[in-house]
Amino acid sequence: MKLYDAHNHLQDEWLLPHMDRIAADLTKAGIAGAVVNGTKTDDWSTVSTLGARFPWIVPSYGLRVDQLDT
């Protein structure tokens, strides 16, 4: 059975130095794909970079509700 992570924030700065190990661990755990959810325009480039680096990552670009002008 293939497993997919539909919502995560692998672009968080504190995770980035550990991405090689995280990617290996996710692969070992059987994760076939993961949606990485950006939450602000400042992290969209990191989300995009992760998507280019790891083919199993699906980039998603969004904004937190508290960052929207209402």
C-alpha atoms as a PDB file:
ATOM      1  CA  MET A   1       0.000   0.000   0.000  1.00  0.00           C
ATOM      2  CA  LYS A   2       1.290   3.457  -0.892  1.00  0.00           C
ATOM      3  CA  LEU A   3       1.000   6.127   1.786  1.00  0.00           C
ATOM      4  CA  TYR A   4       0.643   9.875   1.203  1.00  0.00           C
ATOM      5  CA  ASP A   5       1.060  12.743   3.636  1.00  0.00           C
ATOM      6  CA  ALA A   6      -1.625  15.235   2.634  1.00  0.00           C
ATOM      7  CA  HIS A   7      -0.570  18.079   4.934  1.00  0.00           C
ATOM      8  CA  ASN A   8       2.786  19.028   6.401  1.00  0.00           C
ATOM      9  CA  HIS A   9       5.175  21.950   6.712  1.00  0.00           C
ATOM     10  CA  LEU A  10       8.540  20.495   5.741  1.00  0.00           C
ATOM     11  CA  GLN A  11       9.597  23.995   4.682  1.00  0.00           C
ATOM     12  CA  ASP A  12       9.908  25.114   8.304  1.00  0.00           C
ATOM     13  CA  GLU A  13      13.402  26.534   8.787  1.00  0.00           C
ATOM     14  CA  TRP A  14      14.297  24.290  11.711  1.00  0.00           C
ATOM     15  CA  LEU A  15      13.677  21.176   9.568  1.00  0.00           C
ATOM     16  CA  LEU A  16      15.729  22.237   6.539  1.00  0.00           C
ATOM     17  CA  PRO A  17      19.150  21.185   7.896  1.00  0.00           C
ATOM     18  CA  HIS A  18      17.704  17.705   8.458  1.00  0.00           C
ATOM     19  CA  MET A  19      15.919  17.220   5.112  1.00  0.00           C
ATOM     20  CA  ASP A  20      18.192  14.443   3.830  1.00  0.00           C
ATOM     21  CA  ARG A  21      17.527  12.365   6.943  1.00  0.00           C
ATOM     22  CA  ILE A  22      13.810  13.259   6.930  1.00  0.00           C
ATOM     23  CA  ALA A  23      13.510  12.256   3.272  1.00  0.00           C
ATOM     24  CA  ALA A  24      15.259   8.949   3.931  1.00  0.00           C
ATOM     25  CA  ASP A  25      13.049   8.258   6.960  1.00  0.00           C
ATOM     26  CA  LEU A  26       9.858   9.070   5.035  1.00  0.00           C
ATOM     27  CA  THR A  27      10.900   6.806   2.188  1.00  0.00           C
ATOM     28  CA  LYS A  28      11.744   4.023   4.637  1.00  0.00           C
ATOM     29  CA  ALA A  29       8.323   4.476   6.261  1.00  0.00           C
ATOM     30  CA  GLY A  30       6.642   3.965   2.884  1.00  0.00           C
ATOM     31  CA  ILE A  31       5.564   7.537   2.143  1.00  0.00           C
ATOM     32  CA  ALA A  32       5.109   7.745  -1.632  1.00  0.00           C
ATOM     33  CA  GLY A  33       4.200  11.427  -1.740  1.00  0.00           C
ATOM     34  CA  ALA A  34       3.705  14.458   0.438  1.00  0.00           C
ATOM     35  CA  VAL A  35       1.941  17.787   0.025  1.00  0.00           C
ATOM     36  CA  VAL A  36       4.112  20.521   1.535  1.00  0.00           C
ATOM     37  CA  ASN A  37       1.872  23.408   2.533  1.00  0.00           C
ATOM     38  CA  GLY A  38       3.286  26.913   2.380  1.00  0.00           C
ATOM     39  CA  THR A  39       1.615  29.330   4.770  1.00  0.00           C
ATOM     40  CA  LYS A  40       3.057  32.706   3.754  1.00  0.00           C
ATOM     41  CA  THR A  41       4.583  34.268   0.678  1.00  0.00           C
ATOM     42  CA  ASP A  42       7.987  34.234   2.401  1.00  0.00           C
ATOM     43  CA  ASP A  43       8.098  30.427   2.427  1.00  0.00           C
ATOM     44  CA  TRP A  44       6.771  29.776  -1.071  1.00  0.00           C
ATOM     45  CA  SER A  45      10.257  29.732  -2.624  1.00  0.00           C
ATOM     46  CA  THR A  46      11.387  27.117  -0.080  1.00  0.00           C
ATOM     47  CA  VAL A  47       8.292  25.023  -0.834  1.00  0.00           C
ATOM     48  CA  SER A  48       9.098  25.281  -4.541  1.00  0.00           C
ATOM     49  CA  THR A  49      12.746  24.344  -3.970  1.00  0.00           C
ATOM     50  CA  LEU A  50      11.728  21.269  -1.967  1.00  0.00           C
ATOM     51  CA  GLY A  51       9.350  20.252  -4.755  1.00  0.00           C
ATOM     52  CA  ALA A  52      12.160  20.511  -7.295  1.00  0.00           C
ATOM     53  CA  ARG A  53      14.619  18.643  -5.064  1.00  0.00           C
ATOM     54  CA  PHE A  54      12.352  15.757  -4.072  1.00  0.00           C
ATOM     55  CA  PRO A  55      10.046  14.381  -6.802  1.00  0.00           C
ATOM     56  CA  TRP A  56       7.653  12.918  -4.225  1.00  0.00           C
ATOM     57  CA  ILE A  57       6.848  16.408  -2.836  1.00  0.00           C
ATOM     58  CA  VAL A  58       3.796  18.228  -4.174  1.00  0.00           C
ATOM     59  CA  PRO A  59       4.123  21.961  -3.451  1.00  0.00           C
ATOM     60  CA  SER A  60       1.073  23.810  -2.154  1.00  0.00           C
ATOM     61  CA  TYR A  61       1.018  27.591  -1.795  1.00  0.00           C
ATOM     62  CA  GLY A  62      -1.320  29.158   0.710  1.00  0.00           C
ATOM     63  CA  LEU A  63      -1.722  31.832   3.335  1.00  0.00           C
ATOM     64  CA  ARG A  64      -2.696  31.546   6.961  1.00  0.00           C
ATOM     65  CA  VAL A  65      -6.082  33.130   7.630  1.00  0.00           C
ATOM     66  CA  ASP A  66      -4.593  35.602  10.098  1.00  0.00           C
ATOM     67  CA  GLN A  67      -2.349  36.945   7.311  1.00  0.00           C
ATOM     68  CA  LEU A  68      -5.199  37.901   5.005  1.00  0.00           C
ATOM     69  CA  ASP A  69      -6.501  41.439   4.788  1.00  0.00           C
ATOM     70  CA  THR A  70     -10.144  41.433   5.805  1.00  0.00           C
END
